[in-house]
Amino acid sequence: MNKLVNMNLIIDTIPERDPQLWAGETPPEKDTELGVGRSVAWQTPLHREAVKRALEWVR
C-alpha cells in the first residue's frame, strides 16, 4: 500500500464526511465500483484499472 501511495495511485488520508459540508447527499463511506473505501481510495478509476490489468498480467 505504501508503494501505491508513493506512486500517487491511491490516497490513504480521506477526510471526514461531515454532512454539513455537502450540498446534497453525503457520499457513502464505501463505494466498491469507484474504488473508495473507508480509509483508502484510488486517485481515479483509471489508476485502479491499470493496476488490475498489471496484476492480471503477472499471474
PDB file of N, CA and C in Angstrom:
ATOM      1  N   MET A   1       0.822  -1.174   0.000  1.00  0.00           N
ATOM      2  CA  MET A   1       0.000   0.000   0.000  1.00  0.00           C
ATOM      3  C   MET A   1       0.874   1.250   0.000  1.00  0.00           C
ATOM      4  N   ASN A   2       1.959   1.244   0.764  1.00  0.00           N
ATOM      5  CA  ASN A   2       2.836   2.418   0.797  1.00  0.00           C
ATOM      6  C   ASN A   2       3.402   2.741  -0.579  1.00  0.00           C
ATOM      7  N   LYS A   3       3.716   1.700  -1.337  1.00  0.00           N
ATOM      8  CA  LYS A   3       4.257   1.936  -2.684  1.00  0.00           C
ATOM      9  C   LYS A   3       3.203   2.599  -3.572  1.00  0.00           C
ATOM     10  N   LEU A   4       1.938   2.167  -3.474  1.00  0.00           N
ATOM     11  CA  LEU A   4       0.876   2.793  -4.260  1.00  0.00           C
ATOM     12  C   LEU A   4       0.655   4.239  -3.844  1.00  0.00           C
ATOM     13  N   VAL A   5       0.756   4.532  -2.544  1.00  0.00           N
ATOM     14  CA  VAL A   5       0.643   5.915  -2.065  1.00  0.00           C
ATOM     15  C   VAL A   5       1.804   6.740  -2.612  1.00  0.00           C
ATOM     16  N   ASN A   6       3.025   6.216  -2.523  1.00  0.00           N
ATOM     17  CA  ASN A   6       4.200   6.938  -3.008  1.00  0.00           C
ATOM     18  C   ASN A   6       4.141   7.192  -4.511  1.00  0.00           C
ATOM     19  N   MET A   7       3.503   6.282  -5.250  1.00  0.00           N
ATOM     20  CA  MET A   7       3.349   6.451  -6.702  1.00  0.00           C
ATOM     21  C   MET A   7       2.140   7.327  -7.042  1.00  0.00           C
ATOM     22  N   ASN A   8       1.445   7.823  -6.011  1.00  0.00           N
ATOM     23  CA  ASN A   8       0.278   8.688  -6.165  1.00  0.00           C
ATOM     24  C   ASN A   8      -0.870   7.994  -6.909  1.00  0.00           C
ATOM     25  N   LEU A   9      -0.998   6.688  -6.693  1.00  0.00           N
ATOM     26  CA  LEU A   9      -2.104   5.942  -7.289  1.00  0.00           C
ATOM     27  C   LEU A   9      -3.295   5.860  -6.352  1.00  0.00           C
ATOM     28  N   ILE A  10      -3.029   5.858  -5.045  1.00  0.00           N
ATOM     29  CA  ILE A  10      -4.112   5.845  -4.063  1.00  0.00           C
ATOM     30  C   ILE A  10      -3.850   6.926  -3.017  1.00  0.00           C
ATOM     31  N   ILE A  11      -4.903   7.276  -2.293  1.00  0.00           N
ATOM     32  CA  ILE A  11      -4.741   8.169  -1.149  1.00  0.00           C
ATOM     33  C   ILE A  11      -5.176   7.396   0.090  1.00  0.00           C
ATOM     34  N   ASP A  12      -4.497   7.662   1.185  1.00  0.00           N
ATOM     35  CA  ASP A  12      -4.840   6.967   2.428  1.00  0.00           C
ATOM     36  C   ASP A  12      -5.207   7.948   3.534  1.00  0.00           C
ATOM     37  N   THR A  13      -5.535   9.157   3.152  1.00  0.00           N
ATOM     38  CA  THR A  13      -5.958  10.178   4.114  1.00  0.00           C
ATOM     39  C   THR A  13      -7.270  10.792   3.632  1.00  0.00           C
ATOM     40  N   ILE A  14      -8.334  10.045   3.750  1.00  0.00           N
ATOM     41  CA  ILE A  14      -9.645  10.525   3.334  1.00  0.00           C
ATOM     42  C   ILE A  14     -10.218  11.374   4.462  1.00  0.00           C
ATOM     43  N   PRO A  15     -10.627  12.611   4.155  1.00  0.00           N
ATOM     44  CA  PRO A  15     -11.159  13.474   5.218  1.00  0.00           C
ATOM     45  C   PRO A  15     -12.507  12.996   5.735  1.00  0.00           C
ATOM     46  N   GLU A  16     -12.899  13.497   6.909  1.00  0.00           N
ATOM     47  CA  GLU A  16     -14.215  13.187   7.485  1.00  0.00           C
ATOM     48  C   GLU A  16     -15.307  13.516   6.481  1.00  0.00           C
ATOM     49  N   ARG A  17     -16.354  12.741   6.504  1.00  0.00           N
ATOM     50  CA  ARG A  17     -17.504  13.004   5.636  1.00  0.00           C
ATOM     51  C   ARG A  17     -18.571  13.728   6.464  1.00  0.00           C
ATOM     52  N   ASP A  18     -18.307  14.976   6.777  1.00  0.00           N
ATOM     53  CA  ASP A  18     -19.228  15.783   7.585  1.00  0.00           C
ATOM     54  C   ASP A  18     -20.427  16.189   6.734  1.00  0.00           C
ATOM     55  N   PRO A  19     -21.638  15.750   7.094  1.00  0.00           N
ATOM     56  CA  PRO A  19     -22.828  16.054   6.293  1.00  0.00           C
ATOM     57  C   PRO A  19     -23.070  17.554   6.093  1.00  0.00           C
ATOM     58  N   GLN A  20     -22.601  18.382   6.997  1.00  0.00           N
ATOM     59  CA  GLN A  20     -22.802  19.829   6.870  1.00  0.00           C
ATOM     60  C   GLN A  20     -21.970  20.436   5.752  1.00  0.00           C
ATOM     61  N   LEU A  21     -20.944  19.749   5.294  1.00  0.00           N
ATOM     62  CA  LEU A  21     -20.061  20.276   4.257  1.00  0.00           C
ATOM     63  C   LEU A  21     -20.515  19.930   2.842  1.00  0.00           C
ATOM     64  N   TRP A  22     -21.588  19.148   2.702  1.00  0.00           N
ATOM     65  CA  TRP A  22     -22.032  18.703   1.379  1.00  0.00           C
ATOM     66  C   TRP A  22     -23.318  19.404   0.982  1.00  0.00           C
ATOM     67  N   ALA A  23     -23.405  19.774  -0.293  1.00  0.00           N
ATOM     68  CA  ALA A  23     -24.581  20.484  -0.796  1.00  0.00           C
ATOM     69  C   ALA A  23     -25.743  19.537  -1.087  1.00  0.00           C
ATOM     70  N   GLY A  24     -25.481  18.277  -1.192  1.00  0.00           N
ATOM     71  CA  GLY A  24     -26.514  17.277  -1.463  1.00  0.00           C
ATOM     72  C   GLY A  24     -26.373  16.137  -0.484  1.00  0.00           C
ATOM     73  N   GLU A  25     -26.419  14.939  -1.015  1.00  0.00           N
ATOM     74  CA  GLU A  25     -26.241  13.755  -0.174  1.00  0.00           C
ATOM     75  C   GLU A  25     -24.776  13.609   0.225  1.00  0.00           C
ATOM     76  N   THR A  26     -24.565  13.174   1.439  1.00  0.00           N
ATOM     77  CA  THR A  26     -23.215  12.845   1.874  1.00  0.00           C
ATOM     78  C   THR A  26     -22.756  11.620   1.093  1.00  0.00           C
ATOM     79  N   PRO A  27     -21.543  11.619   0.556  1.00  0.00           N
ATOM     80  CA  PRO A  27     -21.076  10.448  -0.184  1.00  0.00           C
ATOM     81  C   PRO A  27     -21.004   9.226   0.725  1.00  0.00           C
ATOM     82  N   PRO A  28     -21.187   8.046   0.173  1.00  0.00           N
ATOM     83  CA  PRO A  28     -21.116   6.840   1.008  1.00  0.00           C
ATOM     84  C   PRO A  28     -19.706   6.622   1.542  1.00  0.00           C
ATOM     85  N   GLU A  29     -19.629   5.930   2.679  1.00  0.00           N
ATOM     86  CA  GLU A  29     -18.310   5.618   3.247  1.00  0.00           C
ATOM     87  C   GLU A  29     -17.536   4.654   2.363  1.00  0.00           C
ATOM     88  N   LYS A  30     -18.257   3.862   1.587  1.00  0.00           N
ATOM     89  CA  LYS A  30     -17.602   2.843   0.777  1.00  0.00           C
ATOM     90  C   LYS A  30     -18.339   2.726  -0.549  1.00  0.00           C
ATOM     91  N   ASP A  31     -17.592   2.706  -1.654  1.00  0.00           N
ATOM     92  CA  ASP A  31     -18.167   2.510  -2.982  1.00  0.00           C
ATOM     93  C   ASP A  31     -17.198   1.644  -3.774  1.00  0.00           C
ATOM     94  N   THR A  32     -17.461   0.349  -3.811  1.00  0.00           N
ATOM     95  CA  THR A  32     -16.527  -0.571  -4.463  1.00  0.00           C
ATOM     96  C   THR A  32     -16.454  -0.352  -5.965  1.00  0.00           C
ATOM     97  N   GLU A  33     -17.512   0.136  -6.563  1.00  0.00           N
ATOM     98  CA  GLU A  33     -17.493   0.385  -8.006  1.00  0.00           C
ATOM     99  C   GLU A  33     -16.487   1.483  -8.362  1.00  0.00           C
ATOM    100  N   LEU A  34     -16.415   2.510  -7.530  1.00  0.00           N
ATOM    101  CA  LEU A  34     -15.464   3.600  -7.757  1.00  0.00           C
ATOM    102  C   LEU A  34     -14.097   3.322  -7.149  1.00  0.00           C
ATOM    103  N   GLY A  35     -14.019   2.367  -6.240  1.00  0.00           N
ATOM    104  CA  GLY A  35     -12.750   2.071  -5.583  1.00  0.00           C
ATOM    105  C   GLY A  35     -12.496   2.957  -4.383  1.00  0.00           C
ATOM    106  N   VAL A  36     -13.565   3.289  -3.667  1.00  0.00           N
ATOM    107  CA  VAL A  36     -13.453   4.126  -2.474  1.00  0.00           C
ATOM    108  C   VAL A  36     -13.813   3.285  -1.267  1.00  0.00           C
ATOM    109  N   GLY A  37     -12.920   3.269  -0.294  1.00  0.00           N
ATOM    110  CA  GLY A  37     -13.178   2.553   0.950  1.00  0.00           C
ATOM    111  C   GLY A  37     -13.255   3.518   2.114  1.00  0.00           C
ATOM    112  N   ARG A  38     -13.359   2.980   3.296  1.00  0.00           N
ATOM    113  CA  ARG A  38     -13.453   3.823   4.488  1.00  0.00           C
ATOM    114  C   ARG A  38     -12.148   4.590   4.720  1.00  0.00           C
ATOM    115  N   SER A  39     -11.001   3.983   4.419  1.00  0.00           N
ATOM    116  CA  SER A  39      -9.705   4.604   4.720  1.00  0.00           C
ATOM    117  C   SER A  39      -8.828   4.856   3.503  1.00  0.00           C
ATOM    118  N   VAL A  40      -9.141   4.241   2.371  1.00  0.00           N
ATOM    119  CA  VAL A  40      -8.283   4.324   1.189  1.00  0.00           C
ATOM    120  C   VAL A  40      -9.150   4.483  -0.055  1.00  0.00           C
ATOM    121  N   ALA A  41      -8.635   5.247  -1.030  1.00  0.00           N
ATOM    122  CA  ALA A  41      -9.343   5.408  -2.304  1.00  0.00           C
ATOM    123  C   ALA A  41      -8.336   5.531  -3.439  1.00  0.00           C
ATOM    124  N   TRP A  42      -8.727   5.036  -4.607  1.00  0.00           N
ATOM    125  CA  TRP A  42      -7.923   5.224  -5.801  1.00  0.00           C
ATOM    126  C   TRP A  42      -8.008   6.685  -6.194  1.00  0.00           C
ATOM    127  N   GLN A  43      -6.928   7.230  -6.764  1.00  0.00           N
ATOM    128  CA  GLN A  43      -6.947   8.616  -7.238  1.00  0.00           C
ATOM    129  C   GLN A  43      -7.985   8.766  -8.356  1.00  0.00           C
ATOM    130  N   THR A  44      -8.008   7.826  -9.285  1.00  0.00           N
ATOM    131  CA  THR A  44      -9.006   7.822 -10.359  1.00  0.00           C
ATOM    132  C   THR A  44      -9.323   6.370 -10.688  1.00  0.00           C
ATOM    133  N   PRO A  45     -10.489   6.101 -11.279  1.00  0.00           N
ATOM    134  CA  PRO A  45     -10.785   4.735 -11.711  1.00  0.00           C
ATOM    135  C   PRO A  45      -9.754   4.205 -12.717  1.00  0.00           C
ATOM    136  N   LEU A  46      -9.149   5.092 -13.478  1.00  0.00           N
ATOM    137  CA  LEU A  46      -8.125   4.676 -14.435  1.00  0.00           C
ATOM    138  C   LEU A  46      -6.936   4.031 -13.728  1.00  0.00           C
ATOM    139  N   HIS A  47      -6.527   4.595 -12.603  1.00  0.00           N
ATOM    140  CA  HIS A  47      -5.429   4.002 -11.829  1.00  0.00           C
ATOM    141  C   HIS A  47      -5.797   2.601 -11.352  1.00  0.00           C
ATOM    142  N   ARG A  48      -7.030   2.449 -10.869  1.00  0.00           N
ATOM    143  CA  ARG A  48      -7.474   1.142 -10.386  1.00  0.00           C
ATOM    144  C   ARG A  48      -7.421   0.121 -11.513  1.00  0.00           C
ATOM    145  N   GLU A  49      -7.903   0.491 -12.692  1.00  0.00           N
ATOM    146  CA  GLU A  49      -7.916  -0.433 -13.826  1.00  0.00           C
ATOM    147  C   GLU A  49      -6.506  -0.773 -14.291  1.00  0.00           C
ATOM    148  N   ALA A  50      -5.613   0.208 -14.268  1.00  0.00           N
ATOM    149  CA  ALA A  50      -4.232  -0.047 -14.692  1.00  0.00           C
ATOM    150  C   ALA A  50      -3.558  -1.054 -13.762  1.00  0.00           C
ATOM    151  N   VAL A  51      -3.731  -0.894 -12.463  1.00  0.00           N
ATOM    152  CA  VAL A  51      -3.137  -1.826 -11.505  1.00  0.00           C
ATOM    153  C   VAL A  51      -3.787  -3.199 -11.641  1.00  0.00           C
ATOM    154  N   LYS A  52      -5.090  -3.238 -11.832  1.00  0.00           N
ATOM    155  CA  LYS A  52      -5.804  -4.504 -12.004  1.00  0.00           C
ATOM    156  C   LYS A  52      -5.266  -5.270 -13.211  1.00  0.00           C
ATOM    157  N   ARG A  53      -5.094  -4.572 -14.327  1.00  0.00           N
ATOM    158  CA  ARG A  53      -4.566  -5.230 -15.534  1.00  0.00           C
ATOM    159  C   ARG A  53      -3.127  -5.691 -15.350  1.00  0.00           C
ATOM    160  N   ALA A  54      -2.321  -4.879 -14.671  1.00  0.00           N
ATOM    161  CA  ALA A  54      -0.934  -5.268 -14.421  1.00  0.00           C
ATOM    162  C   ALA A  54      -0.869  -6.519 -13.557  1.00  0.00           C
ATOM    163  N   LEU A  55      -1.732  -6.608 -12.553  1.00  0.00           N
ATOM    164  CA  LEU A  55      -1.745  -7.781 -11.690  1.00  0.00           C
ATOM    165  C   LEU A  55      -2.232  -9.020 -12.442  1.00  0.00           C
ATOM    166  N   GLU A  56      -3.182  -8.855 -13.348  1.00  0.00           N
ATOM    167  CA  GLU A  56      -3.647  -9.990 -14.159  1.00  0.00           C
ATOM    168  C   GLU A  56      -2.538 -10.491 -15.057  1.00  0.00           C
ATOM    169  N   TRP A  57      -1.734  -9.577 -15.577  1.00  0.00           N
ATOM    170  CA  TRP A  57      -0.642  -9.946 -16.463  1.00  0.00           C
ATOM    171  C   TRP A  57       0.433 -10.727 -15.720  1.00  0.00           C
ATOM    172  N   VAL A  58       0.656 -10.379 -14.445  1.00  0.00           N
ATOM    173  CA  VAL A  58       1.679 -11.035 -13.633  1.00  0.00           C
ATOM    174  C   VAL A  58       1.277 -12.459 -13.290  1.00  0.00           C
ATOM    175  N   ARG A  59      -0.011 -12.687 -13.101  1.00  0.00           N
ATOM    176  CA  ARG A  59      -0.465 -14.029 -12.721  1.00  0.00           C
ATOM    177  C   ARG A  59      -0.165 -14.966 -13.801  1.00  0.00           C
TER     178      ARG A  59
END
